[in-house]
Amino acid sequence: MSAAAAETGEKTGARPARAAGGRSTMVMIFAMAGLLMPIAPASFTVVAVYLSPTFIMGCFRGLQAPGAISTVAGFNIAGLLPALYHLWHSGNDFDTALALLFHSEFLVINFAAAGLGLSLLVIAPFIARTWVDIAGQRLLRRAEAERRKLLDEWGEALEQQNKESSSGAKASEKAAARD
């Protein structure tokens, strides 16, 4: 630790402060789930179990990507909606809710949607990088084609001018080296 850091009480190895980006999403999800508890306890039971990937993501914060909780929550809610639709159209009772908690089709839909959201967080940067590289290569090919077109049109004059300027530049470099 440096003397200046020791005087001010700063830690040199301290982590920078984390942004509170995911907290508002988690607060909103907990508030919505909390509102469901007294109004529709069967729906609350299904929501609490089916949104477990989002709750786990918010509690442990293993992935520090910006928007990670929002992405997983969005996909997780999309996977939850078919089960809620079935529950609401089947009477919204605890028997149906408990059956949904162990219904393999709805569980697979829900957890696959949450997994898709998580995999999107991991894969999206590579996809974006590839997209930018492809666009850069396309621009480079277009610039090369334009260069060839200009050389075909103005080729001899440009080559002579280029030779003159390069020989003049070499002469000025030699003169500068002698000084």
Protein backbone atom coordinates (compact mmCIF):
# COMPACT_ATOMS: atom_id res chain seq x y z
CA MET A 1 0.00 0.00 0.00
CA SER A 2 1.33 3.43 -0.87
CA ALA A 3 1.92 6.12 1.73
CA ALA A 4 -0.79 8.35 0.24
CA ALA A 5 -3.31 5.51 0.34
CA ALA A 6 -2.32 4.68 3.92
CA GLU A 7 -2.84 8.29 4.99
CA THR A 8 -6.29 8.53 3.45
CA GLY A 9 -7.29 5.06 4.62
CA GLU A 10 -7.87 3.77 1.09
CA LYS A 11 -7.37 0.14 0.19
CA THR A 12 -5.47 -0.42 -3.00
CA GLY A 13 -6.90 -3.89 -3.63
CA ALA A 14 -10.50 -2.91 -2.96
CA ARG A 15 -13.14 -3.77 -5.51
CA PRO A 16 -14.97 -0.93 -7.22
CA ALA A 17 -18.50 -0.33 -6.02
CA ARG A 18 -21.15 -2.40 -7.79
CA ALA A 19 -23.95 -0.69 -9.62
CA ALA A 20 -27.44 -1.33 -8.29
CA GLY A 21 -28.83 -2.30 -11.69
CA GLY A 22 -30.25 -5.70 -10.75
CA ARG A 23 -31.66 -4.66 -7.41
CA SER A 24 -34.60 -2.76 -8.86
CA THR A 25 -35.59 -5.77 -10.96
CA MET A 26 -35.42 -8.08 -7.97
CA VAL A 27 -37.41 -5.66 -5.81
CA MET A 28 -40.08 -5.44 -8.51
CA ILE A 29 -40.29 -9.23 -8.86
CA PHE A 30 -40.49 -9.75 -5.09
CA ALA A 31 -43.16 -7.04 -4.82
CA MET A 32 -45.28 -8.64 -7.54
CA ALA A 33 -44.88 -12.08 -5.97
CA GLY A 34 -45.70 -10.64 -2.53
CA LEU A 35 -48.88 -9.05 -3.86
CA LEU A 36 -49.98 -12.42 -5.22
CA MET A 37 -49.66 -14.17 -1.84
CA PRO A 38 -52.83 -12.86 -0.14
CA ILE A 39 -54.84 -12.46 -3.36
CA ALA A 40 -54.06 -15.75 -5.14
CA PRO A 41 -52.04 -18.13 -2.96
CA ALA A 42 -52.10 -20.92 -5.55
CA SER A 43 -50.66 -18.58 -8.18
CA PHE A 44 -48.08 -17.39 -5.64
CA THR A 45 -46.96 -20.98 -5.06
CA VAL A 46 -46.45 -21.60 -8.78
CA VAL A 47 -44.73 -18.21 -9.28
CA ALA A 48 -42.40 -18.75 -6.31
CA VAL A 49 -41.23 -22.15 -7.54
CA TYR A 50 -41.09 -21.35 -11.24
CA LEU A 51 -39.18 -18.08 -10.73
CA SER A 52 -36.51 -19.82 -8.67
CA PRO A 53 -33.83 -19.38 -11.41
CA THR A 54 -34.37 -15.63 -11.25
CA PHE A 55 -34.28 -15.58 -7.45
CA ILE A 56 -31.09 -17.66 -7.42
CA MET A 57 -29.53 -15.39 -10.04
CA GLY A 58 -30.41 -12.34 -7.95
CA CYS A 59 -29.22 -13.76 -4.65
CA PHE A 60 -25.88 -15.18 -5.69
CA ARG A 61 -24.97 -12.77 -8.48
CA GLY A 62 -22.52 -15.25 -10.00
CA LEU A 63 -22.73 -13.58 -13.38
CA GLN A 64 -21.77 -9.90 -13.17
CA ALA A 65 -22.99 -8.97 -16.66
CA PRO A 66 -25.08 -5.80 -16.95
CA GLY A 67 -28.75 -6.68 -17.30
CA ALA A 68 -28.20 -10.31 -16.31
CA ILE A 69 -31.10 -10.48 -13.88
CA SER A 70 -33.46 -8.66 -16.23
CA THR A 71 -32.62 -11.00 -19.10
CA VAL A 72 -33.03 -14.18 -17.06
CA ALA A 73 -36.18 -12.78 -15.41
CA GLY A 74 -37.74 -11.91 -18.77
CA PHE A 75 -37.12 -15.36 -20.20
CA ASN A 76 -38.14 -16.98 -16.90
CA ILE A 77 -41.44 -15.09 -16.83
CA ALA A 78 -42.04 -16.10 -20.45
CA GLY A 79 -41.58 -19.72 -19.38
CA LEU A 80 -43.88 -19.20 -16.39
CA LEU A 81 -46.81 -17.81 -18.40
CA PRO A 82 -48.03 -21.14 -19.89
CA ALA A 83 -48.23 -22.68 -16.40
CA LEU A 84 -50.07 -19.64 -15.02
CA TYR A 85 -52.46 -19.70 -17.98
CA HIS A 86 -53.21 -23.37 -17.29
CA LEU A 87 -53.64 -22.67 -13.58
CA TRP A 88 -56.00 -19.73 -14.12
CA HIS A 89 -58.14 -21.64 -16.61
CA SER A 90 -58.31 -24.68 -14.33
CA GLY A 91 -59.84 -22.93 -11.35
CA ASN A 92 -56.76 -21.44 -9.63
CA ASP A 93 -56.78 -23.95 -6.77
CA PHE A 94 -54.01 -25.65 -4.80
CA ASP A 95 -54.63 -29.08 -6.34
CA THR A 96 -53.86 -27.73 -9.80
CA ALA A 97 -50.96 -25.66 -8.46
CA LEU A 98 -49.35 -28.69 -6.81
CA ALA A 99 -49.89 -30.73 -9.97
CA LEU A 100 -48.16 -27.97 -11.97
CA LEU A 101 -45.18 -28.00 -9.61
CA PHE A 102 -44.45 -31.57 -10.68
CA HIS A 103 -45.71 -31.43 -14.26
CA SER A 104 -42.67 -32.20 -16.38
CA GLU A 105 -43.79 -30.37 -19.53
CA PHE A 106 -44.35 -27.04 -17.77
CA LEU A 107 -41.17 -27.42 -15.72
CA VAL A 108 -39.10 -28.10 -18.85
CA ILE A 109 -40.64 -25.10 -20.63
CA ASN A 110 -39.94 -22.85 -17.65
CA PHE A 111 -36.39 -23.92 -16.90
CA ALA A 112 -35.48 -24.12 -20.59
CA ALA A 113 -36.64 -20.53 -21.01
CA ALA A 114 -34.54 -19.43 -18.03
CA GLY A 115 -31.59 -21.41 -19.40
CA LEU A 116 -32.06 -19.76 -22.78
CA GLY A 117 -31.90 -16.36 -21.09
CA LEU A 118 -28.73 -17.32 -19.26
CA SER A 119 -27.13 -18.78 -22.38
CA LEU A 120 -28.03 -15.62 -24.28
CA LEU A 121 -25.96 -13.66 -21.76
CA VAL A 122 -22.98 -15.90 -22.43
CA ILE A 123 -23.35 -16.23 -26.20
CA ALA A 124 -24.51 -12.71 -27.16
CA PRO A 125 -21.07 -11.03 -26.86
CA PHE A 126 -19.57 -13.61 -29.23
CA ILE A 127 -22.43 -13.15 -31.69
CA ALA A 128 -22.03 -9.37 -31.56
CA ARG A 129 -18.27 -9.65 -32.06
CA THR A 130 -18.75 -11.93 -35.07
CA TRP A 131 -21.36 -9.57 -36.51
CA VAL A 132 -19.02 -6.59 -36.18
CA ASP A 133 -16.12 -8.55 -37.71
CA ILE A 134 -18.24 -9.60 -40.69
CA ALA A 135 -19.44 -6.02 -41.19
CA GLY A 136 -15.83 -4.79 -40.99
CA GLN A 137 -14.70 -7.33 -43.58
CA ARG A 138 -17.54 -6.27 -45.87
CA LEU A 139 -16.51 -2.62 -45.55
CA LEU A 140 -12.88 -3.55 -46.18
CA ARG A 141 -13.82 -5.46 -49.35
CA ARG A 142 -15.91 -2.51 -50.52
CA ALA A 143 -13.00 -0.12 -49.90
CA GLU A 144 -10.60 -2.43 -51.77
CA ALA A 145 -13.00 -2.61 -54.73
CA GLU A 146 -13.29 1.18 -54.74
CA ARG A 147 -9.49 1.45 -54.57
CA ARG A 148 -9.08 -0.91 -57.53
CA LYS A 149 -11.69 1.03 -59.47
CA LEU A 150 -9.87 4.30 -58.80
CA LEU A 151 -6.52 2.73 -59.73
CA ASP A 152 -8.00 1.46 -63.00
CA GLU A 153 -9.37 4.92 -63.74
CA TRP A 154 -6.45 7.04 -62.50
CA GLY A 155 -3.77 4.37 -62.23
CA GLU A 156 -0.86 5.80 -64.21
CA ALA A 157 -1.16 9.32 -62.84
CA LEU A 158 -1.47 8.05 -59.25
CA GLU A 159 1.48 5.68 -59.61
CA GLN A 160 3.71 8.47 -60.97
CA GLN A 161 2.59 10.86 -58.25
CA ASN A 162 3.12 8.16 -55.61
CA LYS A 163 6.65 7.45 -56.88
CA GLU A 164 7.51 11.15 -56.88
CA SER A 165 6.17 11.70 -53.38
CA SER A 166 7.85 8.58 -52.01
CA SER A 167 11.21 9.51 -53.56
CA GLY A 168 10.81 13.04 -52.17
CA ALA A 169 9.97 11.62 -48.75
CA LYS A 170 13.03 9.35 -48.83
CA ALA A 171 15.24 12.28 -49.80
CA SER A 172 13.87 14.40 -46.95
CA GLU A 173 14.41 11.49 -44.52
CA LYS A 174 18.03 11.17 -45.65
CA ALA A 175 18.54 14.92 -45.25
CA ALA A 176 17.02 14.81 -41.78
CA ALA A 177 19.24 11.88 -40.85
CA ARG A 178 22.35 13.80 -41.92
CA ASP A 179 21.41 16.79 -39.76
